Amino acid sequence: MKRMKELRDENRRLKKMYAEERLKAEMVQKVTSAYGASIRLVCLTFGISETCYRYPPILSDENAESLAGLFV
């Protein structure tokens, strides 16, 4: 039961962290389109890596397929 609570807390923390990073990426997109600023400069201003902005996350289904290929 204790382990289940720890996993829920960790899951909640990770979801919050992901939501914050996605919000920052959306703000970068709005600023770059509205003001014509470079992605590099805006990412530096908001304190996120360009990789976080440029590459979409791998969804869980895609992760499962990748892992299945490793164990075949």
N, C-alpha and C. Protein backbone atom coordinates (compact mmCIF):
# COMPACT_ATOMS: atom_id res chain seq x y z
N MET A 1 0.83 -1.20 0.00
CA MET A 1 0.00 0.00 0.00
C MET A 1 0.87 1.26 0.00
N LYS A 2 1.95 1.21 0.77
CA LYS A 2 2.84 2.36 0.84
C LYS A 2 3.49 2.61 -0.53
N ARG A 3 3.88 1.53 -1.20
CA ARG A 3 4.51 1.65 -2.51
C ARG A 3 3.53 2.26 -3.53
N MET A 4 2.26 1.88 -3.42
CA MET A 4 1.24 2.42 -4.32
C MET A 4 1.11 3.92 -4.13
N LYS A 5 1.13 4.38 -2.89
CA LYS A 5 1.05 5.81 -2.59
C LYS A 5 2.26 6.55 -3.14
N GLU A 6 3.45 5.94 -3.01
CA GLU A 6 4.66 6.55 -3.55
C GLU A 6 4.57 6.68 -5.07
N LEU A 7 4.06 5.65 -5.71
CA LEU A 7 3.92 5.69 -7.17
C LEU A 7 2.92 6.75 -7.61
N ARG A 8 1.82 6.89 -6.88
CA ARG A 8 0.85 7.93 -7.20
C ARG A 8 1.46 9.32 -7.05
N ASP A 9 2.22 9.52 -5.98
CA ASP A 9 2.86 10.81 -5.76
C ASP A 9 3.87 11.12 -6.86
N GLU A 10 4.64 10.12 -7.24
CA GLU A 10 5.62 10.32 -8.30
C GLU A 10 4.92 10.61 -9.63
N ASN A 11 3.86 9.90 -9.90
CA ASN A 11 3.09 10.12 -11.12
C ASN A 11 2.52 11.53 -11.16
N ARG A 12 1.98 12.00 -10.05
CA ARG A 12 1.45 13.36 -9.96
C ARG A 12 2.54 14.39 -10.21
N ARG A 13 3.71 14.16 -9.62
CA ARG A 13 4.84 15.08 -9.78
C ARG A 13 5.28 15.13 -11.24
N LEU A 14 5.38 13.97 -11.89
CA LEU A 14 5.81 13.93 -13.28
C LEU A 14 4.80 14.58 -14.22
N LYS A 15 3.52 14.38 -13.97
CA LYS A 15 2.48 15.02 -14.79
C LYS A 15 2.56 16.54 -14.67
N LYS A 16 2.79 17.02 -13.45
CA LYS A 16 2.90 18.46 -13.24
C LYS A 16 4.12 19.01 -13.97
N MET A 17 5.25 18.30 -13.88
CA MET A 17 6.47 18.73 -14.53
C MET A 17 6.27 18.77 -16.06
N TYR A 18 5.62 17.74 -16.61
CA TYR A 18 5.37 17.70 -18.05
C TYR A 18 4.46 18.85 -18.47
N ALA A 19 3.42 19.12 -17.69
CA ALA A 19 2.49 20.21 -18.03
C ALA A 19 3.21 21.56 -18.03
N GLU A 20 4.10 21.76 -17.08
CA GLU A 20 4.84 23.03 -17.03
C GLU A 20 5.73 23.18 -18.26
N GLU A 21 6.40 22.10 -18.67
CA GLU A 21 7.28 22.18 -19.83
C GLU A 21 6.48 22.41 -21.11
N ARG A 22 5.33 21.78 -21.24
CA ARG A 22 4.49 22.01 -22.42
C ARG A 22 3.98 23.44 -22.45
N LEU A 23 3.65 24.00 -21.31
CA LEU A 23 3.20 25.39 -21.24
C LEU A 23 4.31 26.32 -21.70
N LYS A 24 5.53 26.06 -21.25
CA LYS A 24 6.66 26.88 -21.68
C LYS A 24 6.86 26.77 -23.19
N ALA A 25 6.73 25.57 -23.74
CA ALA A 25 6.89 25.37 -25.18
C ALA A 25 5.81 26.13 -25.96
N GLU A 26 4.60 26.14 -25.45
CA GLU A 26 3.52 26.90 -26.10
C GLU A 26 3.80 28.40 -26.04
N MET A 27 4.33 28.87 -24.93
CA MET A 27 4.67 30.29 -24.82
C MET A 27 5.77 30.64 -25.82
N VAL A 28 6.76 29.77 -25.97
CA VAL A 28 7.83 30.00 -26.95
C VAL A 28 7.23 30.12 -28.34
N GLN A 29 6.31 29.24 -28.68
CA GLN A 29 5.69 29.27 -30.00
C GLN A 29 4.94 30.58 -30.23
N LYS A 30 4.20 31.04 -29.23
CA LYS A 30 3.45 32.29 -29.38
C LYS A 30 4.36 33.49 -29.52
N VAL A 31 5.43 33.53 -28.74
CA VAL A 31 6.35 34.67 -28.80
C VAL A 31 7.09 34.69 -30.13
N THR A 32 7.53 33.52 -30.60
CA THR A 32 8.26 33.51 -31.87
C THR A 32 7.37 33.92 -33.03
N SER A 33 6.11 33.51 -33.01
CA SER A 33 5.22 33.89 -34.11
C SER A 33 4.76 35.34 -34.01
N ALA A 34 4.54 35.84 -32.78
CA ALA A 34 4.03 37.20 -32.61
C ALA A 34 5.10 38.26 -32.83
N TYR A 35 6.32 37.99 -32.36
CA TYR A 35 7.36 39.02 -32.40
C TYR A 35 8.48 38.71 -33.38
N GLY A 36 8.47 37.53 -33.95
CA GLY A 36 9.51 37.19 -34.91
C GLY A 36 10.86 36.94 -34.28
N ALA A 37 10.89 36.69 -32.98
CA ALA A 37 12.15 36.42 -32.29
C ALA A 37 12.62 35.01 -32.64
N SER A 38 13.92 34.79 -32.52
CA SER A 38 14.46 33.47 -32.84
C SER A 38 14.09 32.47 -31.75
N ILE A 39 13.96 31.22 -32.15
CA ILE A 39 13.62 30.16 -31.20
C ILE A 39 14.71 30.04 -30.14
N ARG A 40 15.95 30.17 -30.55
CA ARG A 40 17.07 30.07 -29.61
C ARG A 40 16.97 31.13 -28.53
N LEU A 41 16.72 32.36 -28.91
CA LEU A 41 16.64 33.45 -27.94
C LEU A 41 15.46 33.29 -26.99
N VAL A 42 14.31 32.90 -27.54
CA VAL A 42 13.12 32.74 -26.71
C VAL A 42 13.29 31.56 -25.74
N CYS A 43 13.86 30.46 -26.21
CA CYS A 43 14.10 29.32 -25.33
C CYS A 43 15.06 29.69 -24.21
N LEU A 44 16.07 30.46 -24.55
CA LEU A 44 17.01 30.91 -23.53
C LEU A 44 16.31 31.81 -22.51
N THR A 45 15.43 32.68 -22.96
CA THR A 45 14.69 33.57 -22.08
C THR A 45 13.79 32.81 -21.12
N PHE A 46 13.09 31.79 -21.63
CA PHE A 46 12.17 31.01 -20.79
C PHE A 46 12.87 29.90 -20.03
N GLY A 47 14.13 29.67 -20.31
CA GLY A 47 14.88 28.66 -19.57
C GLY A 47 14.57 27.23 -19.95
N ILE A 48 14.29 26.99 -21.22
CA ILE A 48 14.06 25.62 -21.67
C ILE A 48 15.04 25.30 -22.79
N SER A 49 15.28 24.02 -23.01
CA SER A 49 16.19 23.64 -24.09
C SER A 49 15.44 23.70 -25.42
N GLU A 50 16.18 23.93 -26.47
CA GLU A 50 15.57 23.96 -27.79
C GLU A 50 15.02 22.58 -28.15
N THR A 51 15.64 21.53 -27.64
CA THR A 51 15.18 20.17 -27.90
C THR A 51 13.76 19.98 -27.38
N CYS A 52 13.47 20.52 -26.22
CA CYS A 52 12.13 20.42 -25.63
C CYS A 52 11.10 21.07 -26.56
N TYR A 53 11.49 22.15 -27.19
CA TYR A 53 10.56 22.86 -28.07
C TYR A 53 10.44 22.18 -29.43
N ARG A 54 11.56 21.76 -30.00
CA ARG A 54 11.59 21.30 -31.38
C ARG A 54 11.04 19.89 -31.60
N TYR A 55 11.23 19.00 -30.64
CA TYR A 55 10.86 17.60 -30.86
C TYR A 55 9.61 17.23 -30.07
N PRO A 56 8.63 16.61 -30.75
CA PRO A 56 7.42 16.19 -30.04
C PRO A 56 7.71 14.98 -29.14
N PRO A 57 6.97 14.84 -28.06
CA PRO A 57 7.21 13.70 -27.17
C PRO A 57 6.81 12.39 -27.84
N ILE A 58 7.44 11.31 -27.42
CA ILE A 58 7.07 9.98 -27.92
C ILE A 58 5.93 9.49 -27.05
N LEU A 59 4.83 9.14 -27.68
CA LEU A 59 3.65 8.71 -26.94
C LEU A 59 3.83 7.29 -26.42
N SER A 60 3.05 6.92 -25.45
CA SER A 60 3.22 5.62 -24.80
C SER A 60 3.06 4.45 -25.77
N ASP A 61 2.18 4.55 -26.75
CA ASP A 61 2.01 3.47 -27.73
C ASP A 61 3.29 3.29 -28.54
N GLU A 62 3.91 4.40 -28.90
CA GLU A 62 5.16 4.33 -29.66
C GLU A 62 6.27 3.75 -28.80
N ASN A 63 6.27 4.07 -27.51
CA ASN A 63 7.26 3.49 -26.60
C ASN A 63 7.09 1.99 -26.50
N ALA A 64 5.87 1.53 -26.41
CA ALA A 64 5.60 0.10 -26.30
C ALA A 64 6.09 -0.63 -27.56
N GLU A 65 5.85 -0.04 -28.72
CA GLU A 65 6.32 -0.66 -29.97
C GLU A 65 7.84 -0.71 -30.02
N SER A 66 8.49 0.35 -29.56
CA SER A 66 9.96 0.38 -29.56
C SER A 66 10.51 -0.69 -28.63
N LEU A 67 9.92 -0.82 -27.45
CA LEU A 67 10.38 -1.81 -26.49
C LEU A 67 10.12 -3.23 -26.99
N ALA A 68 9.00 -3.43 -27.66
CA ALA A 68 8.69 -4.76 -28.19
C ALA A 68 9.73 -5.18 -29.21
N GLY A 69 10.21 -4.23 -30.00
CA GLY A 69 11.24 -4.55 -30.98
C GLY A 69 12.57 -4.93 -30.35
N LEU A 70 12.84 -4.41 -29.16
CA LEU A 70 14.09 -4.74 -28.48
C LEU A 70 14.12 -6.15 -27.94
N PHE A 71 12.95 -6.67 -27.57
CA PHE A 71 12.90 -7.97 -26.91
C PHE A 71 12.54 -9.11 -27.85
N VAL A 72 12.52 -8.86 -29.15
CA VAL A 72 12.17 -9.92 -30.11
C VAL A 72 13.40 -10.71 -30.46
